[in-house]
Amino acid sequence: MSEFTLPANSKIGEGKRWPLPKPSAHAKSFQIYRWDPEKNANPQMDTFEIDRDHCGPMVLDALTTINDQIDPTLSFRRSCREGVCGSCAMNIDGKNRLACLTSMDELKKGTSRITPLPHMTVLKDLVPDLSGLYAQYELIEPWLQSDQPPPDRERRQSPEERTKLDGSWECILCFCCSTSCPSYWWNQDKYLGPSILLQSYRWLADSRDQHTGERLDRLDDPFRLYRCHTIMNCTNACPKGLNPAKAIANTKRMMSERS
């Protein structure tokens, strides 16, 4: 029987506990992943208690309260607070979500657990290293490509052609989908993953783009596209309600139709 063990320096320990100074009828506690590369120590889970009577309703509000009032060393990304930038993606109670769109009312009773997006290198606390994902995004050349000279006005599309882009242009590159995908966990150096393939399909489906063949050529690889096994974690995880699995299936169909 195979036995798998974690390296000693990756085992998560119990960290500090930060209780409320006074009891509250509306207290909420969070276990939050902590790791500092400048300290020669294993990761740990610190426990923080907040008073919901003095905090906004979202998980991002709780993290901001912790950072402002309890422990200013807690690191996480955030920007728009409106589910537009994708910066505050993290794993909350076992599911990849946007902290700014996740209400504390939706969380489980008792202590909630917050960790970085799974299977990514951690830079510090809740901040994952996204450089590999952005390199893959660059690979698909996510801009309109045409051999025609620029027109005097916009490049026209019919309403029917424009409708084909719905479900892909709304992606905010939060990477909740890719980091929930087992195929991406195992092959993230080769497989592009659902977020990048959804972005790729956005240009494949665009009637104004004239480099469809070249785009498909870049995906014609045993790993880049075909490591998708339709597990559907990506669709379940998307905080914008998109369907990356459908976009991947459409891309595979386009690939088979041209061969």
C-alpha atoms as a PDB file:
ATOM      1  CA  MET A   1       0.000   0.000   0.000  1.00  0.00           C
ATOM      2  CA  SER A   2       1.296   3.442  -0.921  1.00  0.00           C
ATOM      3  CA  GLU A   3       1.843   5.923   1.848  1.00  0.00           C
ATOM      4  CA  PHE A   4       2.030   9.654   1.199  1.00  0.00           C
ATOM      5  CA  THR A   5       3.386  12.120   3.735  1.00  0.00           C
ATOM      6  CA  LEU A   6       3.845  15.878   3.636  1.00  0.00           C
ATOM      7  CA  PRO A   7       7.325  17.378   3.917  1.00  0.00           C
ATOM      8  CA  ALA A   8       8.025  18.371   7.507  1.00  0.00           C
ATOM      9  CA  ASN A   9       8.138  22.084   6.687  1.00  0.00           C
ATOM     10  CA  SER A  10       4.689  22.051   5.050  1.00  0.00           C
ATOM     11  CA  LYS A  11       2.714  20.635   7.961  1.00  0.00           C
ATOM     12  CA  ILE A  12       0.299  23.207   9.352  1.00  0.00           C
ATOM     13  CA  GLY A  13       0.412  23.877  13.071  1.00  0.00           C
ATOM     14  CA  GLU A  14      -1.894  25.599  15.501  1.00  0.00           C
ATOM     15  CA  GLY A  15      -1.208  29.309  15.727  1.00  0.00           C
ATOM     16  CA  LYS A  16      -2.193  32.233  17.895  1.00  0.00           C
ATOM     17  CA  ARG A  17      -5.683  32.900  19.182  1.00  0.00           C
ATOM     18  CA  TRP A  18      -7.049  36.424  19.200  1.00  0.00           C
ATOM     19  CA  PRO A  19     -10.251  36.478  21.311  1.00  0.00           C
ATOM     20  CA  LEU A  20     -12.577  39.438  21.597  1.00  0.00           C
ATOM     21  CA  PRO A  21     -11.729  41.719  24.518  1.00  0.00           C
ATOM     22  CA  LYS A  22     -15.390  41.596  25.581  1.00  0.00           C
ATOM     23  CA  PRO A  23     -18.007  38.869  24.998  1.00  0.00           C
ATOM     24  CA  SER A  24     -20.454  39.553  22.153  1.00  0.00           C
ATOM     25  CA  ALA A  25     -23.784  38.003  21.219  1.00  0.00           C
ATOM     26  CA  HIS A  26     -22.804  38.252  17.543  1.00  0.00           C
ATOM     27  CA  ALA A  27     -19.219  37.012  17.608  1.00  0.00           C
ATOM     28  CA  LYS A  28     -17.763  35.184  14.611  1.00  0.00           C
ATOM     29  CA  SER A  29     -14.461  33.320  14.623  1.00  0.00           C
ATOM     30  CA  PHE A  30     -12.148  32.585  11.699  1.00  0.00           C
ATOM     31  CA  GLN A  31      -9.218  30.215  11.382  1.00  0.00           C
ATOM     32  CA  ILE A  32      -6.869  31.856   8.895  1.00  0.00           C
ATOM     33  CA  TYR A  33      -3.817  30.375   7.189  1.00  0.00           C
ATOM     34  CA  ARG A  34      -0.616  32.201   8.107  1.00  0.00           C
ATOM     35  CA  TRP A  35       2.833  31.801   6.589  1.00  0.00           C
ATOM     36  CA  ASP A  36       5.660  34.309   6.366  1.00  0.00           C
ATOM     37  CA  PRO A  37       8.592  33.470   4.038  1.00  0.00           C
ATOM     38  CA  GLU A  38      10.900  35.618   6.157  1.00  0.00           C
ATOM     39  CA  LYS A  39      10.343  33.418   9.194  1.00  0.00           C
ATOM     40  CA  ASN A  40      11.897  29.973   9.435  1.00  0.00           C
ATOM     41  CA  ALA A  41       8.663  28.385  10.597  1.00  0.00           C
ATOM     42  CA  ASN A  42       5.894  26.120   9.360  1.00  0.00           C
ATOM     43  CA  PRO A  43       2.522  27.530   8.327  1.00  0.00           C
ATOM     44  CA  GLN A  44      -0.056  27.859  11.075  1.00  0.00           C
ATOM     45  CA  MET A  45      -3.746  28.543  11.499  1.00  0.00           C
ATOM     46  CA  ASP A  46      -4.423  31.634  13.617  1.00  0.00           C
ATOM     47  CA  THR A  47      -7.873  32.063  15.143  1.00  0.00           C
ATOM     48  CA  PHE A  48      -9.491  35.502  15.185  1.00  0.00           C
ATOM     49  CA  GLU A  49     -12.784  36.554  16.734  1.00  0.00           C
ATOM     50  CA  ILE A  50     -14.681  39.590  15.487  1.00  0.00           C
ATOM     51  CA  ASP A  51     -17.828  41.332  16.662  1.00  0.00           C
ATOM     52  CA  ARG A  52     -20.299  41.391  13.766  1.00  0.00           C
ATOM     53  CA  ASP A  53     -22.086  44.330  15.340  1.00  0.00           C
ATOM     54  CA  HIS A  54     -18.998  46.414  14.506  1.00  0.00           C
ATOM     55  CA  CYS A  55     -18.112  44.927  11.125  1.00  0.00           C
ATOM     56  CA  GLY A  56     -19.518  44.895   7.601  1.00  0.00           C
ATOM     57  CA  PRO A  57     -21.468  41.871   6.330  1.00  0.00           C
ATOM     58  CA  MET A  58     -18.923  40.318   3.966  1.00  0.00           C
ATOM     59  CA  VAL A  59     -15.920  38.077   4.590  1.00  0.00           C
ATOM     60  CA  LEU A  60     -13.727  40.797   3.091  1.00  0.00           C
ATOM     61  CA  ASP A  61     -15.063  43.177   5.756  1.00  0.00           C
ATOM     62  CA  ALA A  62     -14.013  40.662   8.412  1.00  0.00           C
ATOM     63  CA  LEU A  63     -10.509  40.375   6.950  1.00  0.00           C
ATOM     64  CA  THR A  64     -10.203  44.161   6.765  1.00  0.00           C
ATOM     65  CA  THR A  65     -11.348  44.465  10.382  1.00  0.00           C
ATOM     66  CA  ILE A  66      -8.757  41.893  11.457  1.00  0.00           C
ATOM     67  CA  ASN A  67      -6.047  43.689   9.499  1.00  0.00           C
ATOM     68  CA  ASP A  68      -7.025  47.140  10.806  1.00  0.00           C
ATOM     69  CA  GLN A  69      -7.830  46.374  14.420  1.00  0.00           C
ATOM     70  CA  ILE A  70      -6.195  43.092  15.447  1.00  0.00           C
ATOM     71  CA  ASP A  71      -3.184  42.009  13.380  1.00  0.00           C
ATOM     72  CA  PRO A  72      -1.825  44.402  10.736  1.00  0.00           C
ATOM     73  CA  THR A  73       0.597  41.727   9.464  1.00  0.00           C
ATOM     74  CA  LEU A  74      -2.225  39.680   7.890  1.00  0.00           C
ATOM     75  CA  SER A  75      -1.706  39.740   4.108  1.00  0.00           C
ATOM     76  CA  PHE A  76      -4.385  39.316   1.443  1.00  0.00           C
ATOM     77  CA  ARG A  77      -5.314  40.872  -1.894  1.00  0.00           C
ATOM     78  CA  ARG A  78      -8.325  43.116  -2.419  1.00  0.00           C
ATOM     79  CA  SER A  79      -9.270  46.016  -4.619  1.00  0.00           C
ATOM     80  CA  CYS A  80     -12.748  46.695  -6.005  1.00  0.00           C
ATOM     81  CA  ARG A  81     -14.982  45.174  -3.285  1.00  0.00           C
ATOM     82  CA  GLU A  82     -17.645  44.579  -5.966  1.00  0.00           C
ATOM     83  CA  GLY A  83     -16.732  41.226  -7.560  1.00  0.00           C
ATOM     84  CA  VAL A  84     -15.114  42.888 -10.560  1.00  0.00           C
ATOM     85  CA  CYS A  85     -11.355  42.657 -10.055  1.00  0.00           C
ATOM     86  CA  GLY A  86     -11.050  39.064  -8.795  1.00  0.00           C
ATOM     87  CA  SER A  87      -8.270  39.997  -6.372  1.00  0.00           C
ATOM     88  CA  CYS A  88      -9.806  38.612  -3.175  1.00  0.00           C
ATOM     89  CA  ALA A  89     -10.247  35.015  -4.375  1.00  0.00           C
ATOM     90  CA  MET A  90      -9.489  32.516  -1.603  1.00  0.00           C
ATOM     91  CA  ASN A  91     -10.750  29.249  -0.182  1.00  0.00           C
ATOM     92  CA  ILE A  92     -13.496  29.890   2.379  1.00  0.00           C
ATOM     93  CA  ASP A  93     -14.955  26.925   4.259  1.00  0.00           C
ATOM     94  CA  GLY A  94     -13.620  24.539   1.640  1.00  0.00           C
ATOM     95  CA  LYS A  95     -14.847  26.365  -1.471  1.00  0.00           C
ATOM     96  CA  ASN A  96     -13.052  28.847  -3.701  1.00  0.00           C
ATOM     97  CA  ARG A  97     -14.890  32.167  -3.492  1.00  0.00           C
ATOM     98  CA  LEU A  98     -14.504  35.920  -3.678  1.00  0.00           C
ATOM     99  CA  ALA A  99     -14.299  37.326  -0.150  1.00  0.00           C
ATOM    100  CA  CYS A 100     -16.068  40.517  -1.239  1.00  0.00           C
ATOM    101  CA  LEU A 101     -19.128  38.604  -2.523  1.00  0.00           C
ATOM    102  CA  THR A 102     -19.328  36.075   0.307  1.00  0.00           C
ATOM    103  CA  SER A 103     -21.642  37.114   3.103  1.00  0.00           C
ATOM    104  CA  MET A 104     -20.853  35.919   6.601  1.00  0.00           C
ATOM    105  CA  ASP A 105     -24.491  34.812   6.774  1.00  0.00           C
ATOM    106  CA  GLU A 106     -23.639  32.152   4.161  1.00  0.00           C
ATOM    107  CA  LEU A 107     -20.866  30.617   6.243  1.00  0.00           C
ATOM    108  CA  LYS A 108     -21.161  27.577   8.424  1.00  0.00           C
ATOM    109  CA  LYS A 109     -21.942  27.983  12.108  1.00  0.00           C
ATOM    110  CA  GLY A 110     -19.007  28.210  14.466  1.00  0.00           C
ATOM    111  CA  THR A 111     -15.460  28.784  13.234  1.00  0.00           C
ATOM    112  CA  SER A 112     -14.911  29.313   9.503  1.00  0.00           C
ATOM    113  CA  ARG A 113     -11.663  28.366   7.829  1.00  0.00           C
ATOM    114  CA  ILE A 114      -9.902  30.622   5.288  1.00  0.00           C
ATOM    115  CA  THR A 115      -6.892  29.471   3.276  1.00  0.00           C
ATOM    116  CA  PRO A 116      -5.227  30.605   0.012  1.00  0.00           C
ATOM    117  CA  LEU A 117      -6.393  29.267  -3.336  1.00  0.00           C
ATOM    118  CA  PRO A 118      -5.409  25.577  -3.258  1.00  0.00           C
ATOM    119  CA  HIS A 119      -2.422  23.958  -4.947  1.00  0.00           C
ATOM    120  CA  MET A 120      -0.627  27.244  -5.569  1.00  0.00           C
ATOM    121  CA  THR A 121       2.691  28.472  -4.257  1.00  0.00           C
ATOM    122  CA  VAL A 122       1.990  30.852  -1.375  1.00  0.00           C
ATOM    123  CA  LEU A 123       3.821  34.167  -1.236  1.00  0.00           C
ATOM    124  CA  LYS A 124       2.504  35.125   2.206  1.00  0.00           C
ATOM    125  CA  ASP A 125      -0.623  34.278   4.222  1.00  0.00           C
ATOM    126  CA  LEU A 126      -3.588  34.390   1.803  1.00  0.00           C
ATOM    127  CA  VAL A 127      -1.571  35.648  -1.197  1.00  0.00           C
ATOM    128  CA  PRO A 128      -0.852  32.983  -3.872  1.00  0.00           C
ATOM    129  CA  ASP A 129       1.712  33.303  -6.639  1.00  0.00           C
ATOM    130  CA  LEU A 130      -0.256  33.864  -9.864  1.00  0.00           C
ATOM    131  CA  SER A 131       2.728  34.427 -12.158  1.00  0.00           C
ATOM    132  CA  GLY A 132       2.328  31.017 -13.841  1.00  0.00           C
ATOM    133  CA  LEU A 133      -1.336  31.682 -14.601  1.00  0.00           C
ATOM    134  CA  TYR A 134      -0.572  35.088 -16.075  1.00  0.00           C
ATOM    135  CA  ALA A 135       2.177  33.564 -18.230  1.00  0.00           C
ATOM    136  CA  GLN A 136      -0.423  31.131 -19.566  1.00  0.00           C
ATOM    137  CA  TYR A 137      -2.795  34.039 -20.164  1.00  0.00           C
ATOM    138  CA  GLU A 138      -0.100  35.758 -22.223  1.00  0.00           C
ATOM    139  CA  LEU A 139       0.348  32.550 -24.241  1.00  0.00           C
ATOM    140  CA  ILE A 140      -3.174  32.705 -25.701  1.00  0.00           C
ATOM    141  CA  GLU A 141      -2.628  36.299 -26.936  1.00  0.00           C
ATOM    142  CA  PRO A 142      -5.866  37.720 -25.490  1.00  0.00           C
ATOM    143  CA  TRP A 143      -6.499  40.548 -27.907  1.00  0.00           C
ATOM    144  CA  LEU A 144      -8.325  40.996 -31.203  1.00  0.00           C
ATOM    145  CA  GLN A 145      -6.203  39.939 -34.193  1.00  0.00           C
ATOM    146  CA  SER A 146      -7.105  40.915 -37.721  1.00  0.00           C
ATOM    147  CA  ASP A 147      -5.270  41.061 -41.045  1.00  0.00           C
ATOM    148  CA  GLN A 148      -7.455  43.939 -42.207  1.00  0.00           C
ATOM    149  CA  PRO A 149      -6.447  47.590 -41.696  1.00  0.00           C
ATOM    150  CA  PRO A 150      -8.197  49.313 -38.777  1.00  0.00           C
ATOM    151  CA  PRO A 151     -11.615  50.622 -39.856  1.00  0.00           C
ATOM    152  CA  ASP A 152     -12.674  54.240 -39.456  1.00  0.00           C
ATOM    153  CA  ARG A 153     -15.268  53.142 -36.902  1.00  0.00           C
ATOM    154  CA  GLU A 154     -15.803  50.083 -34.682  1.00  0.00           C
ATOM    155  CA  ARG A 155     -15.638  46.564 -36.113  1.00  0.00           C
ATOM    156  CA  ARG A 156     -19.281  45.627 -36.514  1.00  0.00           C
ATOM    157  CA  GLN A 157     -21.019  42.500 -35.216  1.00  0.00           C
ATOM    158  CA  SER A 158     -24.576  41.329 -35.569  1.00  0.00           C
ATOM    159  CA  PRO A 159     -26.561  40.863 -32.347  1.00  0.00           C
ATOM    160  CA  GLU A 160     -26.404  37.096 -32.936  1.00  0.00           C
ATOM    161  CA  GLU A 161     -22.597  37.182 -33.258  1.00  0.00           C
ATOM    162  CA  ARG A 162     -22.319  39.319 -30.141  1.00  0.00           C
ATOM    163  CA  THR A 163     -24.470  36.874 -28.163  1.00  0.00           C
ATOM    164  CA  LYS A 164     -21.884  34.131 -28.738  1.00  0.00           C
ATOM    165  CA  LEU A 165     -19.481  36.013 -26.460  1.00  0.00           C
ATOM    166  CA  ASP A 166     -21.838  35.950 -23.486  1.00  0.00           C
ATOM    167  CA  GLY A 167     -20.565  33.681 -20.755  1.00  0.00           C
ATOM    168  CA  SER A 168     -16.908  34.318 -21.590  1.00  0.00           C
ATOM    169  CA  TRP A 169     -16.240  38.062 -21.582  1.00  0.00           C
ATOM    170  CA  GLU A 170     -17.537  38.319 -17.992  1.00  0.00           C
ATOM    171  CA  CYS A 171     -14.571  36.306 -16.640  1.00  0.00           C
ATOM    172  CA  ILE A 172     -12.583  38.405 -14.153  1.00  0.00           C
ATOM    173  CA  LEU A 173      -9.526  36.104 -13.922  1.00  0.00           C
ATOM    174  CA  CYS A 174     -10.007  35.362 -10.242  1.00  0.00           C
ATOM    175  CA  PHE A 175      -8.794  31.775 -10.936  1.00  0.00           C
ATOM    176  CA  CYS A 176     -11.307  30.193  -8.570  1.00  0.00           C
ATOM    177  CA  CYS A 177     -12.051  27.700 -11.341  1.00  0.00           C
ATOM    178  CA  SER A 178      -8.489  26.708 -12.247  1.00  0.00           C
ATOM    179  CA  THR A 179      -7.464  26.207  -8.637  1.00  0.00           C
ATOM    180  CA  SER A 180     -10.507  23.975  -8.027  1.00  0.00           C
ATOM    181  CA  CYS A 181      -9.612  21.688 -10.956  1.00  0.00           C
ATOM    182  CA  PRO A 182      -7.769  18.431 -10.136  1.00  0.00           C
ATOM    183  CA  SER A 183      -6.397  18.251 -13.684  1.00  0.00           C
ATOM    184  CA  TYR A 184      -4.829  21.673 -13.180  1.00  0.00           C
ATOM    185  CA  TRP A 185      -3.444  20.677  -9.777  1.00  0.00           C
ATOM    186  CA  TRP A 186      -1.603  17.771 -11.369  1.00  0.00           C
ATOM    187  CA  ASN A 187      -0.476  19.424 -14.629  1.00  0.00           C
ATOM    188  CA  GLN A 188      -0.413  23.179 -14.105  1.00  0.00           C
ATOM    189  CA  ASP A 189       2.939  23.450 -15.881  1.00  0.00           C
ATOM    190  CA  LYS A 190       1.373  22.028 -19.077  1.00  0.00           C
ATOM    191  CA  TYR A 191      -2.428  22.204 -18.902  1.00  0.00           C
ATOM    192  CA  LEU A 192      -3.812  25.711 -19.368  1.00  0.00           C
ATOM    193  CA  GLY A 193      -6.735  25.173 -17.013  1.00  0.00           C
ATOM    194  CA  PRO A 194     -10.352  26.338 -17.205  1.00  0.00           C
ATOM    195  CA  SER A 195      -9.834  30.070 -16.638  1.00  0.00           C
ATOM    196  CA  ILE A 196      -7.310  30.457 -19.459  1.00  0.00           C
ATOM    197  CA  LEU A 197      -9.258  28.172 -21.799  1.00  0.00           C
ATOM    198  CA  LEU A 198     -12.423  30.174 -21.136  1.00  0.00           C
ATOM    199  CA  GLN A 199     -10.511  33.336 -22.043  1.00  0.00           C
ATOM    200  CA  SER A 200      -9.156  31.591 -25.127  1.00  0.00           C
ATOM    201  CA  TYR A 201     -12.662  30.637 -26.261  1.00  0.00           C
ATOM    202  CA  ARG A 202     -13.771  34.247 -25.879  1.00  0.00           C
ATOM    203  CA  TRP A 203     -11.531  35.076 -28.870  1.00  0.00           C
ATOM    204  CA  LEU A 204     -12.281  31.879 -30.774  1.00  0.00           C
ATOM    205  CA  ALA A 205     -15.979  32.779 -30.653  1.00  0.00           C
ATOM    206  CA  ASP A 206     -15.453  36.397 -31.706  1.00  0.00           C
ATOM    207  CA  SER A 207     -16.550  36.924 -35.326  1.00  0.00           C
ATOM    208  CA  ARG A 208     -14.235  39.929 -35.632  1.00  0.00           C
ATOM    209  CA  ASP A 209     -11.087  37.894 -34.966  1.00  0.00           C
ATOM    210  CA  GLN A 210      -9.366  36.467 -38.064  1.00  0.00           C
ATOM    211  CA  HIS A 211      -6.698  34.270 -36.438  1.00  0.00           C
ATOM    212  CA  THR A 212      -8.878  31.354 -35.340  1.00  0.00           C
ATOM    213  CA  GLY A 213      -6.574  28.815 -36.992  1.00  0.00           C
ATOM    214  CA  GLU A 214      -3.471  30.125 -35.246  1.00  0.00           C
ATOM    215  CA  ARG A 215      -5.299  30.175 -31.911  1.00  0.00           C
ATOM    216  CA  LEU A 216      -6.346  26.546 -32.326  1.00  0.00           C
ATOM    217  CA  ASP A 217      -2.803  25.622 -33.355  1.00  0.00           C
ATOM    218  CA  ARG A 218      -1.524  26.895 -30.013  1.00  0.00           C
ATOM    219  CA  LEU A 219      -3.987  24.617 -28.213  1.00  0.00           C
ATOM    220  CA  ASP A 220      -3.266  21.541 -30.376  1.00  0.00           C
ATOM    221  CA  ASP A 221      -1.230  19.798 -27.717  1.00  0.00           C
ATOM    222  CA  PRO A 222      -1.824  16.677 -25.585  1.00  0.00           C
ATOM    223  CA  PHE A 223      -1.826  18.778 -22.414  1.00  0.00           C
ATOM    224  CA  ARG A 224      -2.846  22.398 -23.068  1.00  0.00           C
ATOM    225  CA  LEU A 225      -6.471  21.577 -23.922  1.00  0.00           C
ATOM    226  CA  TYR A 226      -7.032  17.852 -23.604  1.00  0.00           C
ATOM    227  CA  ARG A 227      -6.188  17.406 -19.918  1.00  0.00           C
ATOM    228  CA  CYS A 228      -9.756  18.550 -19.224  1.00  0.00           C
ATOM    229  CA  HIS A 229     -11.722  15.499 -18.087  1.00  0.00           C
ATOM    230  CA  THR A 230     -15.041  17.345 -17.583  1.00  0.00           C
ATOM    231  CA  ILE A 231     -14.899  17.057 -13.790  1.00  0.00           C
ATOM    232  CA  MET A 232     -17.024  20.245 -13.630  1.00  0.00           C
ATOM    233  CA  ASN A 233     -15.402  21.648 -10.477  1.00  0.00           C
ATOM    234  CA  CYS A 234     -14.662  24.780 -12.485  1.00  0.00           C
ATOM    235  CA  THR A 235     -18.308  25.509 -13.244  1.00  0.00           C
ATOM    236  CA  ASN A 236     -19.306  24.825  -9.656  1.00  0.00           C
ATOM    237  CA  ALA A 237     -16.614  27.161  -8.308  1.00  0.00           C
ATOM    238  CA  CYS A 238     -17.087  30.182 -10.600  1.00  0.00           C
ATOM    239  CA  PRO A 239     -18.343  33.117  -8.484  1.00  0.00           C
ATOM    240  CA  LYS A 240     -19.721  34.817 -11.607  1.00  0.00           C
ATOM    241  CA  GLY A 241     -21.895  31.849 -12.585  1.00  0.00           C
ATOM    242  CA  LEU A 242     -19.952  31.109 -15.791  1.00  0.00           C
ATOM    243  CA  ASN A 243     -19.425  27.700 -17.378  1.00  0.00           C
ATOM    244  CA  PRO A 244     -15.761  27.146 -18.315  1.00  0.00           C
ATOM    245  CA  ALA A 245     -16.428  23.456 -18.966  1.00  0.00           C
ATOM    246  CA  LYS A 246     -18.850  24.374 -21.776  1.00  0.00           C
ATOM    247  CA  ALA A 247     -16.276  26.728 -23.316  1.00  0.00           C
ATOM    248  CA  ILE A 248     -13.681  23.947 -23.230  1.00  0.00           C
ATOM    249  CA  ALA A 249     -16.139  21.529 -24.855  1.00  0.00           C
ATOM    250  CA  ASN A 250     -16.870  24.087 -27.591  1.00  0.00           C
ATOM    251  CA  THR A 251     -13.137  24.516 -28.180  1.00  0.00           C
ATOM    252  CA  LYS A 252     -12.688  20.751 -28.514  1.00  0.00           C
ATOM    253  CA  ARG A 253     -15.570  20.710 -30.994  1.00  0.00           C
ATOM    254  CA  MET A 254     -13.932  23.451 -33.061  1.00  0.00           C
ATOM    255  CA  MET A 255     -10.678  21.496 -32.989  1.00  0.00           C
ATOM    256  CA  SER A 256     -12.358  18.288 -34.222  1.00  0.00           C
ATOM    257  CA  GLU A 257     -14.355  20.069 -36.951  1.00  0.00           C
ATOM    258  CA  ARG A 258     -11.268  21.551 -38.558  1.00  0.00           C
ATOM    259  CA  SER A 259      -9.356  18.257 -38.708  1.00  0.00           C
END
